[in-house]
Amino acid sequence: RGEADKFLLLQAPQHAESVAMVNVLPNLDAEHAWPSWPLWPKVEDASACRLMDSCRLAFNFQQRRSLLLYGEMGVGKSVLCREFCAHFSAPGRLFAAGAFLIDEASLDKLPIALSREDLVDAIALKLLGELVERQPVLRDKPASSAHQGGWERLRATARYLDDAGSWLFVIDGISEMSETSREVLVSVLDRLLTATSRLKVLLTSRRQLPASGLGGV
C-alpha cells in the first residue's frame, strides 16, 4: 500500500507513452469493445483520448492499489472516472466484481457534531450504500448484521466482493471535502484496503494534496 501514485490530467498521452499499454485492453477500436453491463450504462460519446486515459489508469492499477487523479475543474476527471468504471467493470475485465463511485457531496453532508467513531461509521455506511445500490445482489448476502456498526458491515460486504474478484471504489472530488471528513474517509479507505486484497481505490482532486496517508491526502 502506501502513498498513492499521482498524475496530472491535462492532455491526451503521447503515442510513445502508450506503447507499453497496447495489450491492456484488446480491440479498442472495435464497436463491440464497449460492454453492455448493468452496473454502468454504455458510454455513447466516449472519445479516443479519454479511452486512452482509461487505459493508462488500468495499466497503473496493475501495479498499484490506489491512485490520485488531479487537475483543475473542468478538465474531465469525473467524466473519465465514469467511462473508466463503465469500460472496466464488466465480467472478465479488470474489475470483474464491480466498480463503485461516490462523490464528495454525498460524503460531506454529515453532522459536524459527530464523534470521530460515529463519523467513521457514518462514512462507512455511505460507502456501503453505494455498493448495495450499484450491486443490488449484495442486499441478499448474509455478510453482515444490521445490528453491527457501519464499519463492520462495510468490511463484511467488502470481503464478499473480494471473493467475487477485483473491484474498484472511486471517490470523486476528495479535495472539496472538509478537512475532518477527508481525514476520516482516508482512514476508512486505508482500513478497507488492509481488510481486503482485491480492492483498488481511485481518488480525484482539483489539486495535488499533501503526501500523508492514502492517496497523499
Protein backbone atom coordinates (compact mmCIF):
# COMPACT_ATOMS: atom_id res chain seq x y z
CA ARG A 1 0.00 0.00 0.00
CA GLY A 2 1.47 3.38 0.96
CA GLU A 3 1.05 6.69 -0.75
CA ALA A 4 -0.95 6.55 -3.94
CA ASP A 5 0.52 7.34 -7.31
CA LYS A 6 -0.42 10.78 -8.64
CA PHE A 7 -0.58 12.16 -12.12
CA LEU A 8 -1.94 15.36 -13.62
CA LEU A 9 -4.74 15.10 -16.17
CA LEU A 10 -4.06 17.79 -18.74
CA GLN A 11 -3.98 16.35 -22.25
CA ALA A 12 -4.04 13.19 -24.30
CA PRO A 13 -0.97 10.95 -23.79
CA GLN A 14 1.73 10.84 -26.43
CA HIS A 15 1.99 7.71 -28.56
CA ALA A 16 5.33 6.84 -27.06
CA GLU A 17 3.77 6.61 -23.62
CA SER A 18 1.00 4.35 -24.86
CA VAL A 19 3.10 1.61 -26.43
CA ALA A 20 3.51 -0.33 -23.20
CA MET A 21 -0.27 -0.37 -22.69
CA VAL A 22 -1.38 -1.77 -26.03
CA ASN A 23 -2.31 -5.12 -24.51
CA VAL A 24 -4.20 -3.74 -21.52
CA LEU A 25 -7.46 -3.78 -23.45
CA PRO A 26 -7.59 -5.53 -26.86
CA ASN A 27 -9.67 -4.33 -29.81
CA LEU A 28 -10.08 -0.77 -28.52
CA ASP A 29 -11.39 0.44 -31.86
CA ALA A 30 -13.91 -2.35 -32.29
CA GLU A 31 -17.54 -1.35 -31.86
CA HIS A 32 -18.20 -4.34 -29.62
CA ALA A 33 -15.37 -3.36 -27.26
CA TRP A 34 -17.83 -1.47 -25.04
CA PRO A 35 -19.66 -3.92 -22.78
CA SER A 36 -23.35 -4.00 -22.05
CA TRP A 37 -23.22 -4.31 -18.28
CA PRO A 38 -25.94 -3.35 -15.79
CA LEU A 39 -23.60 -1.77 -13.25
CA TRP A 40 -22.76 1.10 -15.59
CA PRO A 41 -24.55 2.28 -18.75
CA LYS A 42 -22.79 2.22 -22.11
CA VAL A 43 -20.96 5.48 -22.80
CA GLU A 44 -22.30 6.75 -26.13
CA ASP A 45 -19.92 9.69 -26.62
CA ALA A 46 -16.68 8.10 -25.48
CA SER A 47 -13.69 9.82 -27.05
CA ALA A 48 -10.48 8.13 -28.18
CA CYS A 49 -8.44 10.40 -25.91
CA ARG A 50 -10.43 9.54 -22.80
CA LEU A 51 -10.34 5.88 -23.73
CA MET A 52 -6.56 6.03 -23.85
CA ASP A 53 -6.53 7.84 -20.49
CA SER A 54 -8.66 4.98 -19.15
CA CYS A 55 -6.08 2.52 -20.42
CA ARG A 56 -3.35 4.46 -18.66
CA LEU A 57 -5.32 4.18 -15.41
CA ALA A 58 -5.82 0.46 -15.95
CA PHE A 59 -2.11 -0.01 -16.57
CA ASN A 60 -1.23 1.80 -13.34
CA PHE A 61 -3.75 -0.25 -11.39
CA GLN A 62 -1.91 -3.39 -12.42
CA GLN A 63 0.93 -2.15 -10.23
CA ARG A 64 -0.77 -0.02 -7.57
CA ARG A 65 -3.80 -0.35 -5.30
CA SER A 66 -4.56 3.37 -5.03
CA LEU A 67 -4.24 6.30 -7.41
CA LEU A 68 -4.88 10.03 -7.13
CA LEU A 69 -6.09 11.76 -10.30
CA TYR A 70 -5.86 15.54 -10.04
CA GLY A 71 -6.41 18.51 -12.31
CA GLU A 72 -8.28 21.79 -12.47
CA MET A 73 -12.07 21.95 -12.51
CA GLY A 74 -13.48 21.15 -15.93
CA VAL A 75 -10.60 19.11 -17.37
CA GLY A 76 -12.72 15.94 -17.36
CA LYS A 77 -11.84 13.97 -14.22
CA SER A 78 -15.41 12.97 -13.38
CA VAL A 79 -16.29 12.01 -16.96
CA LEU A 80 -13.12 9.96 -17.22
CA CYS A 81 -13.91 8.15 -13.98
CA ARG A 82 -17.40 7.21 -15.17
CA GLU A 83 -16.11 6.00 -18.52
CA PHE A 84 -13.38 4.05 -16.74
CA CYS A 85 -15.96 2.37 -14.50
CA ALA A 86 -18.21 1.58 -17.48
CA HIS A 87 -15.42 0.06 -19.52
CA PHE A 88 -13.52 -1.94 -16.94
CA SER A 89 -16.25 -3.27 -14.62
CA ALA A 90 -17.65 -5.98 -16.88
CA PRO A 91 -17.19 -9.73 -16.26
CA GLY A 92 -13.78 -10.84 -17.42
CA ARG A 93 -12.35 -7.33 -17.27
CA LEU A 94 -10.10 -5.59 -14.78
CA PHE A 95 -12.79 -5.10 -12.09
CA ALA A 96 -14.97 -8.14 -12.59
CA ALA A 97 -16.64 -7.76 -9.18
CA GLY A 98 -17.73 -4.20 -9.94
CA ALA A 99 -16.77 -0.53 -9.92
CA PHE A 100 -18.42 1.86 -7.47
CA LEU A 101 -18.38 5.66 -7.33
CA ILE A 102 -19.40 8.22 -4.76
CA ASP A 103 -18.82 11.97 -4.86
CA GLU A 104 -17.76 14.37 -2.15
CA ALA A 105 -21.22 15.93 -1.86
CA SER A 106 -22.63 12.63 -0.60
CA LEU A 107 -19.85 12.16 1.93
CA ASP A 108 -19.56 15.72 3.25
CA LYS A 109 -23.19 16.21 4.31
CA LEU A 110 -22.79 14.65 7.73
CA PRO A 111 -23.48 16.26 11.14
CA ILE A 112 -20.34 18.08 12.24
CA ALA A 113 -21.07 17.26 15.89
CA LEU A 114 -20.43 13.53 15.40
CA SER A 115 -17.63 11.94 17.38
CA ARG A 116 -14.78 10.50 15.32
CA GLU A 117 -16.04 6.95 15.90
CA ASP A 118 -19.55 7.89 14.81
CA LEU A 119 -18.17 9.73 11.77
CA VAL A 120 -16.24 6.59 10.78
CA ASP A 121 -19.47 4.59 10.93
CA ALA A 122 -21.43 7.28 9.06
CA ILE A 123 -18.91 7.42 6.20
CA ALA A 124 -18.69 3.63 6.11
CA LEU A 125 -22.48 3.45 5.75
CA LYS A 126 -22.35 5.97 2.88
CA LEU A 127 -19.80 3.77 1.09
CA LEU A 128 -21.87 0.67 1.84
CA GLY A 129 -24.95 2.38 0.40
CA GLU A 130 -23.18 2.87 -2.95
CA LEU A 131 -22.13 -0.79 -3.02
CA VAL A 132 -25.67 -2.01 -2.42
CA GLU A 133 -27.31 0.49 -4.77
CA ARG A 134 -24.96 -0.31 -7.63
CA GLN A 135 -24.94 -4.05 -6.97
CA PRO A 136 -28.38 -4.99 -5.54
CA VAL A 137 -27.40 -8.66 -5.18
CA LEU A 138 -25.41 -7.60 -2.11
CA ARG A 139 -28.68 -6.93 -0.26
CA ASP A 140 -29.37 -10.65 -0.12
CA LYS A 141 -25.96 -11.66 1.17
CA PRO A 142 -25.84 -12.54 4.89
CA ALA A 143 -22.41 -10.96 5.12
CA SER A 144 -23.28 -8.66 7.99
CA SER A 145 -25.96 -7.88 10.51
CA ALA A 146 -27.99 -4.70 10.66
CA HIS A 147 -27.12 -4.58 14.37
CA GLN A 148 -23.43 -4.15 13.56
CA GLY A 149 -21.81 -0.75 13.19
CA GLY A 150 -21.25 0.85 9.81
CA TRP A 151 -17.59 -0.13 9.60
CA GLU A 152 -18.23 -3.80 10.44
CA ARG A 153 -21.00 -4.01 7.84
CA LEU A 154 -18.85 -2.36 5.18
CA ARG A 155 -15.93 -4.68 5.92
CA ALA A 156 -18.12 -7.79 5.70
CA THR A 157 -19.59 -6.70 2.36
CA ALA A 158 -16.13 -5.79 1.07
CA ARG A 159 -14.86 -9.26 1.87
CA TYR A 160 -17.73 -10.78 -0.08
CA LEU A 161 -16.78 -8.64 -3.07
CA ASP A 162 -13.18 -9.69 -2.61
CA ASP A 163 -14.25 -13.31 -3.05
CA ALA A 164 -16.02 -12.39 -6.29
CA GLY A 165 -12.99 -10.72 -7.92
CA SER A 166 -11.15 -7.42 -8.20
CA TRP A 167 -13.24 -4.31 -7.58
CA LEU A 168 -12.86 -0.55 -7.60
CA PHE A 169 -14.02 2.31 -5.41
CA VAL A 170 -13.89 5.82 -6.89
CA ILE A 171 -14.11 8.85 -4.60
CA ASP A 172 -14.77 11.85 -6.84
CA GLY A 173 -13.78 15.28 -5.51
CA ILE A 174 -11.94 14.44 -2.30
CA SER A 175 -10.22 17.85 -2.22
CA GLU A 176 -13.61 19.57 -1.84
CA MET A 177 -14.45 17.74 1.38
CA SER A 178 -13.96 19.35 4.77
CA GLU A 179 -10.62 18.53 6.35
CA THR A 180 -12.20 16.42 9.09
CA SER A 181 -14.38 14.39 6.72
CA ARG A 182 -11.49 13.88 4.33
CA GLU A 183 -9.20 12.67 7.11
CA VAL A 184 -11.78 10.17 8.36
CA LEU A 185 -12.59 8.99 4.83
CA VAL A 186 -8.92 8.32 4.15
CA SER A 187 -8.72 6.39 7.41
CA VAL A 188 -11.74 4.26 6.44
CA LEU A 189 -10.31 3.56 2.97
CA ASP A 190 -6.95 2.70 4.48
CA ARG A 191 -8.58 0.19 6.81
CA LEU A 192 -10.63 -1.18 3.94
CA LEU A 193 -7.51 -1.77 1.84
CA THR A 194 -5.96 -3.58 4.79
CA ALA A 195 -9.05 -5.76 5.27
CA THR A 196 -9.23 -6.74 1.58
CA SER A 197 -6.80 -7.98 -1.05
CA ARG A 198 -8.54 -7.16 -4.35
CA LEU A 199 -9.88 -3.66 -3.77
CA LYS A 200 -8.44 -0.72 -5.75
CA VAL A 201 -9.14 2.93 -4.92
CA LEU A 202 -9.23 5.91 -7.29
CA LEU A 203 -9.43 9.42 -5.83
CA THR A 204 -9.96 12.62 -7.79
CA SER A 205 -8.95 16.09 -6.67
CA ARG A 206 -8.76 19.62 -8.08
CA ARG A 207 -5.26 19.99 -6.67
CA GLN A 208 -2.33 17.91 -5.60
CA LEU A 209 -2.79 17.03 -1.97
CA PRO A 210 -0.16 16.81 0.78
CA ALA A 211 1.56 13.45 1.00
CA SER A 212 0.06 11.95 4.12
CA GLY A 213 -1.78 8.64 4.25
CA LEU A 214 -3.74 7.03 1.45
CA GLY A 215 -3.71 8.98 -1.81
CA GLY A 216 -1.42 11.62 -0.41
CA VAL A 217 -4.37 13.26 1.33
